[in-house]
Amino acid sequence: MSARSKKELRGILAAVTTPFTSDGAAIDEEALRGQVERLIAAGIHGLVPTGTTGEFTTLTPEEYRRVIELYVESAAGRVPVVIGVGSLSTRGAIELAQYAEEVGADAVMLVPPFYDPLDFATLKAFLSDVAASISIPIVYYNVPGCTGIKLGASEIAELGDIEGVEYLKDTSGDAVALADLLASRGDRIKAFNGWDTLTFFGIASGAEASVWGTAGVVPELAVEFWEALAEKKDLERARELWKHLWAISDFLESVNYVAGIKAGLELIGQPAGPARLPIQPLPQEERERFAKILDAAGVLSAPAAA
């Protein structure tokens, strides 16, 4: 393994979809490339494919690698690409992480095996093994609702002592633990917010990035919000923008997230195909509710009944 590389990750990192054809049977490569161009043109600071929003659990091994390759190729070094890596075995995670590095990814966002929850010692061994296999940094994906692994701030900070585990995407919804990490443990691991409705809180508390599915739907709004809150320290403007971003984020957390994101993309005129089964499309009444929220934010372009 070569010397460990370090890519600065900062700003709004859009958790992006895997676009599928209308029947859900294949990757829509043209739509994927178009999605990358749209997000980069909007000023997004980084891309995070093949995570929860990217439906990684539904991809065949061949599709998984193709999506990784397509996102890295399409971004072409203009913004960092952080590849979501999830597998039920250490070997599988290592193979995916190594492939991501091989094709040019800047980091990997690593979720631990998510069927049989790991104890803390086993989790550290898993992270150590994957980190030792690559030279790009790891973002630990803390999502206890999916993995069953619930960690306190001190345990998360301890993960940062593993060489190569540089960052945390916190999707725990535990604002107190996130505040603890940001206020007193940033020298051990750099925490990013990953819970949509805590984005204002996370950035205001000092998170240097937010991994945010909402940003894939309304990238201009998300980037303007980052500029107002994190860069210009314009609290008043940030609060105005947050009213719309909160409504969108709150809606997405009230429905199936992937179905909501894909419905939102269709409603703004940037369809990415359906979510893969068994995930069902949003019910019509929820779609109409989302259309009203997007309309209030000034981004709706397609009729709710489309």
C-alpha atoms as a PDB file:
ATOM      1  CA  MET A   1       0.000   0.000   0.000  1.00  0.00           C
ATOM      2  CA  SER A   2       1.292   3.473  -0.872  1.00  0.00           C
ATOM      3  CA  ALA A   3       1.605   6.363   1.577  1.00  0.00           C
ATOM      4  CA  ARG A   4      -1.754   7.406   2.971  1.00  0.00           C
ATOM      5  CA  SER A   5      -3.391  10.240   1.070  1.00  0.00           C
ATOM      6  CA  LYS A   6      -5.554  12.942   2.586  1.00  0.00           C
ATOM      7  CA  LYS A   7      -8.218  14.853   0.710  1.00  0.00           C
ATOM      8  CA  GLU A   8      -9.926  17.761   2.412  1.00  0.00           C
ATOM      9  CA  LEU A   9     -13.639  17.144   2.716  1.00  0.00           C
ATOM     10  CA  ARG A  10     -15.579  20.282   3.463  1.00  0.00           C
ATOM     11  CA  GLY A  11     -18.969  21.769   2.685  1.00  0.00           C
ATOM     12  CA  ILE A  12     -22.100  20.148   1.328  1.00  0.00           C
ATOM     13  CA  LEU A  13     -21.418  16.581   0.253  1.00  0.00           C
ATOM     14  CA  ALA A  14     -24.479  15.436  -1.652  1.00  0.00           C
ATOM     15  CA  ALA A  15     -25.589  11.881  -0.910  1.00  0.00           C
ATOM     16  CA  VAL A  16     -26.619  10.952  -4.434  1.00  0.00           C
ATOM     17  CA  THR A  17     -28.964   8.438  -6.006  1.00  0.00           C
ATOM     18  CA  THR A  18     -28.260   5.588  -8.349  1.00  0.00           C
ATOM     19  CA  PRO A  19     -30.450   6.433 -11.356  1.00  0.00           C
ATOM     20  CA  PHE A  20     -32.255   3.442 -12.833  1.00  0.00           C
ATOM     21  CA  THR A  21     -34.126   2.902 -16.068  1.00  0.00           C
ATOM     22  CA  SER A  22     -37.903   3.276 -15.869  1.00  0.00           C
ATOM     23  CA  ASP A  23     -38.397  -0.423 -15.118  1.00  0.00           C
ATOM     24  CA  GLY A  24     -35.672  -0.398 -12.454  1.00  0.00           C
ATOM     25  CA  ALA A  25     -33.800  -3.139 -14.260  1.00  0.00           C
ATOM     26  CA  ALA A  26     -30.572  -1.330 -15.117  1.00  0.00           C
ATOM     27  CA  ILE A  27     -28.441   1.679 -14.289  1.00  0.00           C
ATOM     28  CA  ASP A  28     -29.351   4.759 -16.322  1.00  0.00           C
ATOM     29  CA  GLU A  29     -25.830   5.895 -17.102  1.00  0.00           C
ATOM     30  CA  GLU A  30     -26.887   8.989 -19.010  1.00  0.00           C
ATOM     31  CA  ALA A  31     -29.037  10.182 -16.111  1.00  0.00           C
ATOM     32  CA  LEU A  32     -26.187   9.501 -13.687  1.00  0.00           C
ATOM     33  CA  ARG A  33     -23.780  11.631 -15.687  1.00  0.00           C
ATOM     34  CA  GLY A  34     -26.404  14.359 -15.967  1.00  0.00           C
ATOM     35  CA  GLN A  35     -26.927  14.291 -12.223  1.00  0.00           C
ATOM     36  CA  VAL A  36     -23.209  14.832 -11.643  1.00  0.00           C
ATOM     37  CA  GLU A  37     -23.120  17.777 -14.050  1.00  0.00           C
ATOM     38  CA  ARG A  38     -26.172  19.382 -12.453  1.00  0.00           C
ATOM     39  CA  LEU A  39     -24.794  19.092  -8.919  1.00  0.00           C
ATOM     40  CA  ILE A  40     -21.337  20.369  -9.779  1.00  0.00           C
ATOM     41  CA  ALA A  41     -22.824  23.295 -11.722  1.00  0.00           C
ATOM     42  CA  ALA A  42     -24.882  24.137  -8.621  1.00  0.00           C
ATOM     43  CA  GLY A  43     -21.708  24.393  -6.548  1.00  0.00           C
ATOM     44  CA  ILE A  44     -21.939  21.167  -4.533  1.00  0.00           C
ATOM     45  CA  HIS A  45     -18.656  20.516  -2.725  1.00  0.00           C
ATOM     46  CA  GLY A  46     -18.545  16.728  -3.031  1.00  0.00           C
ATOM     47  CA  LEU A  47     -20.460  13.605  -4.035  1.00  0.00           C
ATOM     48  CA  VAL A  48     -21.286  10.544  -1.942  1.00  0.00           C
ATOM     49  CA  PRO A  49     -22.659   7.730  -4.135  1.00  0.00           C
ATOM     50  CA  THR A  50     -23.548   4.131  -3.175  1.00  0.00           C
ATOM     51  CA  GLY A  51     -24.731   4.993   0.314  1.00  0.00           C
ATOM     52  CA  THR A  52     -28.247   4.687   1.669  1.00  0.00           C
ATOM     53  CA  THR A  53     -29.570   7.210  -0.868  1.00  0.00           C
ATOM     54  CA  GLY A  54     -27.679   5.319  -3.587  1.00  0.00           C
ATOM     55  CA  GLU A  55     -29.515   2.067  -2.805  1.00  0.00           C
ATOM     56  CA  PHE A  56     -26.276   0.122  -2.478  1.00  0.00           C
ATOM     57  CA  THR A  57     -28.038  -2.892  -0.975  1.00  0.00           C
ATOM     58  CA  THR A  58     -29.994  -3.437  -4.209  1.00  0.00           C
ATOM     59  CA  LEU A  59     -27.007  -3.367  -6.562  1.00  0.00           C
ATOM     60  CA  THR A  60     -25.459  -6.485  -8.042  1.00  0.00           C
ATOM     61  CA  PRO A  61     -21.676  -6.744  -7.543  1.00  0.00           C
ATOM     62  CA  GLU A  62     -21.154  -5.701 -11.148  1.00  0.00           C
ATOM     63  CA  GLU A  63     -23.548  -2.762 -10.848  1.00  0.00           C
ATOM     64  CA  TYR A  64     -21.936  -1.617  -7.614  1.00  0.00           C
ATOM     65  CA  ARG A  65     -18.533  -1.347  -9.263  1.00  0.00           C
ATOM     66  CA  ARG A  66     -19.956   0.282 -12.358  1.00  0.00           C
ATOM     67  CA  VAL A  67     -21.704   2.982 -10.322  1.00  0.00           C
ATOM     68  CA  ILE A  68     -18.461   3.675  -8.436  1.00  0.00           C
ATOM     69  CA  GLU A  69     -16.583   3.946 -11.707  1.00  0.00           C
ATOM     70  CA  LEU A  70     -19.202   6.191 -13.324  1.00  0.00           C
ATOM     71  CA  TYR A  71     -19.303   8.699 -10.470  1.00  0.00           C
ATOM     72  CA  VAL A  72     -15.534   9.011 -10.260  1.00  0.00           C
ATOM     73  CA  GLU A  73     -15.226   9.268 -14.037  1.00  0.00           C
ATOM     74  CA  SER A  74     -18.024  11.833 -14.317  1.00  0.00           C
ATOM     75  CA  ALA A  75     -16.734  14.032 -11.503  1.00  0.00           C
ATOM     76  CA  ALA A  76     -13.323  14.030 -13.224  1.00  0.00           C
ATOM     77  CA  GLY A  77     -11.543  15.467 -10.208  1.00  0.00           C
ATOM     78  CA  ARG A  78     -13.696  18.591 -10.025  1.00  0.00           C
ATOM     79  CA  VAL A  79     -15.078  17.691  -6.591  1.00  0.00           C
ATOM     80  CA  PRO A  80     -14.167  14.922  -4.159  1.00  0.00           C
ATOM     81  CA  VAL A  81     -16.020  11.627  -4.533  1.00  0.00           C
ATOM     82  CA  VAL A  82     -16.582   9.618  -1.358  1.00  0.00           C
ATOM     83  CA  ILE A  83     -17.702   6.093  -2.190  1.00  0.00           C
ATOM     84  CA  GLY A  84     -20.160   4.346   0.097  1.00  0.00           C
ATOM     85  CA  VAL A  85     -18.871   0.877   0.962  1.00  0.00           C
ATOM     86  CA  GLY A  86     -21.147  -1.668   2.590  1.00  0.00           C
ATOM     87  CA  SER A  87     -20.739  -5.418   2.802  1.00  0.00           C
ATOM     88  CA  LEU A  88     -21.649  -8.195   5.209  1.00  0.00           C
ATOM     89  CA  SER A  89     -18.034  -9.419   5.301  1.00  0.00           C
ATOM     90  CA  THR A  90     -14.638  -7.844   5.863  1.00  0.00           C
ATOM     91  CA  ARG A  91     -13.404  -9.380   2.621  1.00  0.00           C
ATOM     92  CA  GLY A  92     -16.284  -7.868   0.664  1.00  0.00           C
ATOM     93  CA  ALA A  93     -15.727  -4.427   2.190  1.00  0.00           C
ATOM     94  CA  ILE A  94     -12.005  -4.571   1.445  1.00  0.00           C
ATOM     95  CA  GLU A  95     -12.615  -5.535  -2.183  1.00  0.00           C
ATOM     96  CA  LEU A  96     -15.033  -2.651  -2.690  1.00  0.00           C
ATOM     97  CA  ALA A  97     -12.788  -0.153  -0.903  1.00  0.00           C
ATOM     98  CA  GLN A  98      -9.787  -1.229  -2.939  1.00  0.00           C
ATOM     99  CA  TYR A  99     -11.780  -0.942  -6.144  1.00  0.00           C
ATOM    100  CA  ALA A 100     -12.900   2.570  -5.176  1.00  0.00           C
ATOM    101  CA  GLU A 101      -9.296   3.598  -4.624  1.00  0.00           C
ATOM    102  CA  GLU A 102      -8.161   1.895  -7.825  1.00  0.00           C
ATOM    103  CA  VAL A 103     -10.575   3.901  -9.998  1.00  0.00           C
ATOM    104  CA  GLY A 104      -9.727   7.215  -8.315  1.00  0.00           C
ATOM    105  CA  ALA A 105     -12.117   7.814  -5.406  1.00  0.00           C
ATOM    106  CA  ASP A 106     -10.964  10.311  -2.795  1.00  0.00           C
ATOM    107  CA  ALA A 107     -12.317   8.499   0.274  1.00  0.00           C
ATOM    108  CA  VAL A 108     -14.701   5.755   1.275  1.00  0.00           C
ATOM    109  CA  MET A 109     -17.693   6.025   3.594  1.00  0.00           C
ATOM    110  CA  LEU A 110     -17.676   2.689   5.384  1.00  0.00           C
ATOM    111  CA  VAL A 111     -20.735   1.174   7.025  1.00  0.00           C
ATOM    112  CA  PRO A 112     -20.068  -1.894   9.175  1.00  0.00           C
ATOM    113  CA  PRO A 113     -21.842  -5.204   8.522  1.00  0.00           C
ATOM    114  CA  PHE A 114     -25.500  -4.509   9.140  1.00  0.00           C
ATOM    115  CA  TYR A 115     -27.221  -7.847   9.811  1.00  0.00           C
ATOM    116  CA  ASP A 116     -25.513  -9.161  12.948  1.00  0.00           C
ATOM    117  CA  PRO A 117     -24.432  -6.108  15.034  1.00  0.00           C
ATOM    118  CA  LEU A 118     -20.731  -6.049  15.900  1.00  0.00           C
ATOM    119  CA  ASP A 119     -19.443  -5.489  19.413  1.00  0.00           C
ATOM    120  CA  PHE A 120     -17.027  -2.599  19.859  1.00  0.00           C
ATOM    121  CA  ALA A 121     -13.824  -4.657  19.748  1.00  0.00           C
ATOM    122  CA  THR A 122     -14.980  -6.424  16.582  1.00  0.00           C
ATOM    123  CA  LEU A 123     -15.964  -3.112  15.008  1.00  0.00           C
ATOM    124  CA  LYS A 124     -12.476  -1.726  15.646  1.00  0.00           C
ATOM    125  CA  ALA A 125     -10.906  -4.832  14.133  1.00  0.00           C
ATOM    126  CA  PHE A 126     -13.147  -4.518  11.065  1.00  0.00           C
ATOM    127  CA  LEU A 127     -12.265  -0.840  10.557  1.00  0.00           C
ATOM    128  CA  SER A 128      -8.567  -1.531  11.108  1.00  0.00           C
ATOM    129  CA  ASP A 129      -8.548  -4.304   8.507  1.00  0.00           C
ATOM    130  CA  VAL A 130     -10.277  -2.199   5.859  1.00  0.00           C
ATOM    131  CA  ALA A 131      -8.192   0.888   6.608  1.00  0.00           C
ATOM    132  CA  ALA A 132      -4.973  -1.113   6.309  1.00  0.00           C
ATOM    133  CA  SER A 133      -5.985  -2.295   2.840  1.00  0.00           C
ATOM    134  CA  ILE A 134      -6.238   1.181   1.256  1.00  0.00           C
ATOM    135  CA  SER A 135      -4.421   4.506   1.342  1.00  0.00           C
ATOM    136  CA  ILE A 136      -7.425   6.822   1.011  1.00  0.00           C
ATOM    137  CA  PRO A 137      -9.253   7.962   4.171  1.00  0.00           C
ATOM    138  CA  ILE A 138     -12.305   6.357   5.703  1.00  0.00           C
ATOM    139  CA  VAL A 139     -15.467   8.143   6.771  1.00  0.00           C
ATOM    140  CA  TYR A 140     -17.104   5.940   9.421  1.00  0.00           C
ATOM    141  CA  TYR A 141     -20.832   5.767   8.707  1.00  0.00           C
ATOM    142  CA  ASN A 142     -22.529   5.847  12.089  1.00  0.00           C
ATOM    143  CA  VAL A 143     -26.084   4.742  11.374  1.00  0.00           C
ATOM    144  CA  PRO A 144     -27.269   2.710  14.389  1.00  0.00           C
ATOM    145  CA  GLY A 145     -30.813   2.419  13.048  1.00  0.00           C
ATOM    146  CA  CYS A 146     -29.454   0.165  10.288  1.00  0.00           C
ATOM    147  CA  THR A 147     -26.428  -1.496  11.922  1.00  0.00           C
ATOM    148  CA  GLY A 148     -27.637  -1.917  15.497  1.00  0.00           C
ATOM    149  CA  ILE A 149     -24.296  -0.521  16.683  1.00  0.00           C
ATOM    150  CA  LYS A 150     -24.896   2.310  19.142  1.00  0.00           C
ATOM    151  CA  LEU A 151     -21.795   4.224  20.184  1.00  0.00           C
ATOM    152  CA  GLY A 152     -21.235   7.097  22.557  1.00  0.00           C
ATOM    153  CA  ALA A 153     -19.051  10.088  21.727  1.00  0.00           C
ATOM    154  CA  SER A 154     -16.035   8.645  23.545  1.00  0.00           C
ATOM    155  CA  GLU A 155     -16.256   5.373  21.595  1.00  0.00           C
ATOM    156  CA  ILE A 156     -16.616   7.201  18.283  1.00  0.00           C
ATOM    157  CA  ALA A 157     -13.583   9.328  19.132  1.00  0.00           C
ATOM    158  CA  GLU A 158     -11.660   6.121  19.833  1.00  0.00           C
ATOM    159  CA  LEU A 159     -12.370   4.940  16.300  1.00  0.00           C
ATOM    160  CA  GLY A 160     -10.483   8.018  15.123  1.00  0.00           C
ATOM    161  CA  ASP A 161      -7.336   6.586  16.695  1.00  0.00           C
ATOM    162  CA  ILE A 162      -7.316   3.899  13.986  1.00  0.00           C
ATOM    163  CA  GLU A 163      -4.937   5.002  11.235  1.00  0.00           C
ATOM    164  CA  GLY A 164      -6.952   5.965   8.180  1.00  0.00           C
ATOM    165  CA  VAL A 165     -10.272   6.507   9.988  1.00  0.00           C
ATOM    166  CA  GLU A 166     -10.339  10.278   9.652  1.00  0.00           C
ATOM    167  CA  TYR A 167     -14.010  11.247   9.508  1.00  0.00           C
ATOM    168  CA  LEU A 168     -17.454  10.412  10.824  1.00  0.00           C
ATOM    169  CA  LYS A 169     -20.809  10.701   9.101  1.00  0.00           C
ATOM    170  CA  ASP A 170     -23.167  10.899  12.055  1.00  0.00           C
ATOM    171  CA  THR A 171     -26.601   9.592  11.172  1.00  0.00           C
ATOM    172  CA  SER A 172     -27.517   8.695  14.731  1.00  0.00           C
ATOM    173  CA  GLY A 173     -29.910  11.594  15.314  1.00  0.00           C
ATOM    174  CA  ASP A 174     -28.179  12.102  18.684  1.00  0.00           C
ATOM    175  CA  ALA A 175     -27.573  15.835  18.786  1.00  0.00           C
ATOM    176  CA  VAL A 176     -25.904  15.701  22.195  1.00  0.00           C
ATOM    177  CA  ALA A 177     -23.324  13.152  21.057  1.00  0.00           C
ATOM    178  CA  LEU A 178     -22.666  15.152  17.890  1.00  0.00           C
ATOM    179  CA  ALA A 179     -22.205  18.328  19.956  1.00  0.00           C
ATOM    180  CA  ASP A 180     -19.759  16.460  22.214  1.00  0.00           C
ATOM    181  CA  LEU A 181     -17.741  15.252  19.229  1.00  0.00           C
ATOM    182  CA  LEU A 182     -17.612  18.690  17.636  1.00  0.00           C
ATOM    183  CA  ALA A 183     -16.838  20.598  20.820  1.00  0.00           C
ATOM    184  CA  SER A 184     -14.251  18.401  22.475  1.00  0.00           C
ATOM    185  CA  ARG A 185     -13.082  15.476  20.357  1.00  0.00           C
ATOM    186  CA  GLY A 186     -12.290  16.999  16.977  1.00  0.00           C
ATOM    187  CA  ASP A 187      -8.596  16.249  17.374  1.00  0.00           C
ATOM    188  CA  ARG A 188      -9.378  12.516  17.174  1.00  0.00           C
ATOM    189  CA  ILE A 189     -12.064  12.310  14.488  1.00  0.00           C
ATOM    190  CA  LYS A 190     -13.690  14.956  12.317  1.00  0.00           C
ATOM    191  CA  ALA A 191     -17.462  14.688  12.621  1.00  0.00           C
ATOM    192  CA  PHE A 192     -19.836  15.502   9.770  1.00  0.00           C
ATOM    193  CA  ASN A 193     -23.571  15.801  10.158  1.00  0.00           C
ATOM    194  CA  GLY A 194     -25.546  13.111   8.370  1.00  0.00           C
ATOM    195  CA  TRP A 195     -29.044  13.542   9.808  1.00  0.00           C
ATOM    196  CA  ASP A 196     -31.029  15.866   7.564  1.00  0.00           C
ATOM    197  CA  THR A 197     -33.066  17.731  10.181  1.00  0.00           C
ATOM    198  CA  LEU A 198     -29.934  18.341  12.290  1.00  0.00           C
ATOM    199  CA  THR A 199     -28.032  20.029   9.461  1.00  0.00           C
ATOM    200  CA  PHE A 200     -28.444  23.560  10.825  1.00  0.00           C
ATOM    201  CA  PHE A 201     -27.454  22.388  14.293  1.00  0.00           C
ATOM    202  CA  GLY A 202     -24.457  20.433  13.018  1.00  0.00           C
ATOM    203  CA  ILE A 203     -22.982  23.190  10.871  1.00  0.00           C
ATOM    204  CA  ALA A 204     -23.659  25.870  13.492  1.00  0.00           C
ATOM    205  CA  SER A 205     -21.921  23.631  16.044  1.00  0.00           C
ATOM    206  CA  GLY A 206     -18.807  23.430  13.888  1.00  0.00           C
ATOM    207  CA  ALA A 207     -19.238  20.481  11.517  1.00  0.00           C
ATOM    208  CA  GLU A 208     -17.016  21.128   8.510  1.00  0.00           C
ATOM    209  CA  ALA A 209     -19.266  19.163   6.195  1.00  0.00           C
ATOM    210  CA  SER A 210     -22.734  17.698   5.895  1.00  0.00           C
ATOM    211  CA  VAL A 211     -23.481  14.512   3.973  1.00  0.00           C
ATOM    212  CA  TRP A 212     -26.961  15.363   2.824  1.00  0.00           C
ATOM    213  CA  GLY A 213     -29.462  13.585   0.574  1.00  0.00           C
ATOM    214  CA  THR A 214     -31.664  16.692   0.453  1.00  0.00           C
ATOM    215  CA  ALA A 215     -28.797  18.484  -1.308  1.00  0.00           C
ATOM    216  CA  GLY A 216     -29.224  16.172  -4.289  1.00  0.00           C
ATOM    217  CA  VAL A 217     -32.733  17.506  -4.794  1.00  0.00           C
ATOM    218  CA  VAL A 218     -32.150  21.200  -4.035  1.00  0.00           C
ATOM    219  CA  PRO A 219     -28.398  21.719  -4.494  1.00  0.00           C
ATOM    220  CA  GLU A 220     -28.508  25.484  -5.085  1.00  0.00           C
ATOM    221  CA  LEU A 221     -30.498  26.009  -1.899  1.00  0.00           C
ATOM    222  CA  ALA A 222     -28.154  23.744   0.088  1.00  0.00           C
ATOM    223  CA  VAL A 223     -25.036  25.502  -1.203  1.00  0.00           C
ATOM    224  CA  GLU A 224     -26.477  28.950  -0.500  1.00  0.00           C
ATOM    225  CA  PHE A 225     -27.315  27.776   3.014  1.00  0.00           C
ATOM    226  CA  TRP A 226     -23.739  26.574   3.557  1.00  0.00           C
ATOM    227  CA  GLU A 227     -22.333  29.856   2.306  1.00  0.00           C
ATOM    228  CA  ALA A 228     -24.621  31.853   4.598  1.00  0.00           C
ATOM    229  CA  LEU A 229     -24.102  29.809   7.756  1.00  0.00           C
ATOM    230  CA  ALA A 230     -20.597  28.367   7.516  1.00  0.00           C
ATOM    231  CA  GLU A 231     -18.750  30.922   5.417  1.00  0.00           C
ATOM    232  CA  LYS A 232     -20.439  34.306   5.852  1.00  0.00           C
ATOM    233  CA  LYS A 233     -21.767  33.655   9.383  1.00  0.00           C
ATOM    234  CA  ASP A 234     -25.018  35.319   8.285  1.00  0.00           C
ATOM    235  CA  LEU A 235     -27.366  33.757  10.798  1.00  0.00           C
ATOM    236  CA  GLU A 236     -30.424  35.686   9.666  1.00  0.00           C
ATOM    237  CA  ARG A 237     -30.093  34.616   6.036  1.00  0.00           C
ATOM    238  CA  ALA A 238     -29.282  31.045   7.051  1.00  0.00           C
ATOM    239  CA  ARG A 239     -32.452  30.891   9.128  1.00  0.00           C
ATOM    240  CA  GLU A 240     -34.537  32.087   6.177  1.00  0.00           C
ATOM    241  CA  LEU A 241     -33.075  29.396   3.934  1.00  0.00           C
ATOM    242  CA  TRP A 242     -33.396  26.770   6.624  1.00  0.00           C
ATOM    243  CA  LYS A 243     -37.164  27.200   6.795  1.00  0.00           C
ATOM    244  CA  HIS A 244     -37.438  25.597   3.366  1.00  0.00           C
ATOM    245  CA  LEU A 245     -34.598  23.116   3.893  1.00  0.00           C
ATOM    246  CA  TRP A 246     -36.109  22.051   7.207  1.00  0.00           C
ATOM    247  CA  ALA A 247     -39.505  21.442   5.572  1.00  0.00           C
ATOM    248  CA  ILE A 248     -37.907  19.321   2.836  1.00  0.00           C
ATOM    249  CA  SER A 249     -35.701  17.423   5.286  1.00  0.00           C
ATOM    250  CA  ASP A 250     -38.543  16.864   7.720  1.00  0.00           C
ATOM    251  CA  PHE A 251     -40.732  15.510   4.923  1.00  0.00           C
ATOM    252  CA  LEU A 252     -38.037  13.088   3.753  1.00  0.00           C
ATOM    253  CA  GLU A 253     -37.593  11.772   7.275  1.00  0.00           C
ATOM    254  CA  SER A 254     -41.350  11.121   7.492  1.00  0.00           C
ATOM    255  CA  VAL A 255     -41.495   8.785   4.460  1.00  0.00           C
ATOM    256  CA  ASN A 256     -39.270   6.130   2.934  1.00  0.00           C
ATOM    257  CA  TYR A 257     -36.169   8.220   2.311  1.00  0.00           C
ATOM    258  CA  VAL A 258     -35.117   6.808  -1.049  1.00  0.00           C
ATOM    259  CA  ALA A 259     -38.646   6.893  -2.436  1.00  0.00           C
ATOM    260  CA  GLY A 260     -38.920  10.489  -1.243  1.00  0.00           C
ATOM    261  CA  ILE A 261     -35.671  11.568  -2.857  1.00  0.00           C
ATOM    262  CA  LYS A 262     -36.574   9.972  -6.168  1.00  0.00           C
ATOM    263  CA  ALA A 263     -40.044  11.526  -6.096  1.00  0.00           C
ATOM    264  CA  GLY A 264     -38.450  14.898  -5.388  1.00  0.00           C
ATOM    265  CA  LEU A 265     -36.101  14.569  -8.340  1.00  0.00           C
ATOM    266  CA  GLU A 266     -39.031  13.757 -10.610  1.00  0.00           C
ATOM    267  CA  LEU A 267     -41.019  16.713  -9.276  1.00  0.00           C
ATOM    268  CA  ILE A 268     -38.189  19.157 -10.010  1.00  0.00           C
ATOM    269  CA  GLY A 269     -37.779  17.759 -13.524  1.00  0.00           C
ATOM    270  CA  GLN A 270     -34.624  15.716 -12.899  1.00  0.00           C
ATOM    271  CA  PRO A 271     -35.924  12.131 -12.801  1.00  0.00           C
ATOM    272  CA  ALA A 272     -33.617   9.330 -11.684  1.00  0.00           C
ATOM    273  CA  GLY A 273     -35.986   6.438 -12.207  1.00  0.00           C
ATOM    274  CA  PRO A 274     -37.798   4.475  -9.521  1.00  0.00           C
ATOM    275  CA  ALA A 275     -36.480   3.088  -6.278  1.00  0.00           C
ATOM    276  CA  ARG A 276     -35.824  -0.614  -6.611  1.00  0.00           C
ATOM    277  CA  LEU A 277     -38.264  -3.114  -5.212  1.00  0.00           C
ATOM    278  CA  PRO A 278     -39.309  -3.843  -2.572  1.00  0.00           C
ATOM    279  CA  ILE A 279     -39.353  -0.053  -2.027  1.00  0.00           C
ATOM    280  CA  GLN A 280     -42.629   1.327  -3.364  1.00  0.00           C
ATOM    281  CA  PRO A 281     -43.247   4.734  -4.953  1.00  0.00           C
ATOM    282  CA  LEU A 282     -44.564   7.466  -2.698  1.00  0.00           C
ATOM    283  CA  PRO A 283     -48.345   7.328  -2.291  1.00  0.00           C
ATOM    284  CA  GLN A 284     -50.060  10.051  -4.295  1.00  0.00           C
ATOM    285  CA  GLU A 285     -51.082  12.035  -1.208  1.00  0.00           C
ATOM    286  CA  GLU A 286     -47.467  12.133  -0.004  1.00  0.00           C
ATOM    287  CA  ARG A 287     -46.272  13.119  -3.451  1.00  0.00           C
ATOM    288  CA  GLU A 288     -48.739  16.009  -3.460  1.00  0.00           C
ATOM    289  CA  ARG A 289     -47.609  17.050   0.012  1.00  0.00           C
ATOM    290  CA  PHE A 290     -43.993  17.059  -1.143  1.00  0.00           C
ATOM    291  CA  ALA A 291     -44.909  19.043  -4.257  1.00  0.00           C
ATOM    292  CA  LYS A 292     -46.359  21.800  -2.083  1.00  0.00           C
ATOM    293  CA  ILE A 293     -43.193  21.938   0.011  1.00  0.00           C
ATOM    294  CA  LEU A 294     -40.973  22.126  -3.069  1.00  0.00           C
ATOM    295  CA  ASP A 295     -43.252  24.734  -4.620  1.00  0.00           C
ATOM    296  CA  ALA A 296     -42.960  26.895  -1.497  1.00  0.00           C
ATOM    297  CA  ALA A 297     -39.179  26.596  -1.813  1.00  0.00           C
ATOM    298  CA  GLY A 298     -39.383  27.801  -5.418  1.00  0.00           C
ATOM    299  CA  VAL A 299     -37.996  24.661  -7.050  1.00  0.00           C
ATOM    300  CA  LEU A 300     -41.045  22.719  -8.278  1.00  0.00           C
ATOM    301  CA  SER A 301     -41.170  22.170 -12.030  1.00  0.00           C
ATOM    302  CA  ALA A 302     -43.290  19.059 -12.593  1.00  0.00           C
ATOM    303  CA  PRO A 303     -46.946  18.586 -11.670  1.00  0.00           C
ATOM    304  CA  ALA A 304     -47.638  16.529  -8.553  1.00  0.00           C
ATOM    305  CA  ALA A 305     -49.683  14.003 -10.507  1.00  0.00           C
ATOM    306  CA  ALA A 306     -46.967  13.319 -13.074  1.00  0.00           C
END
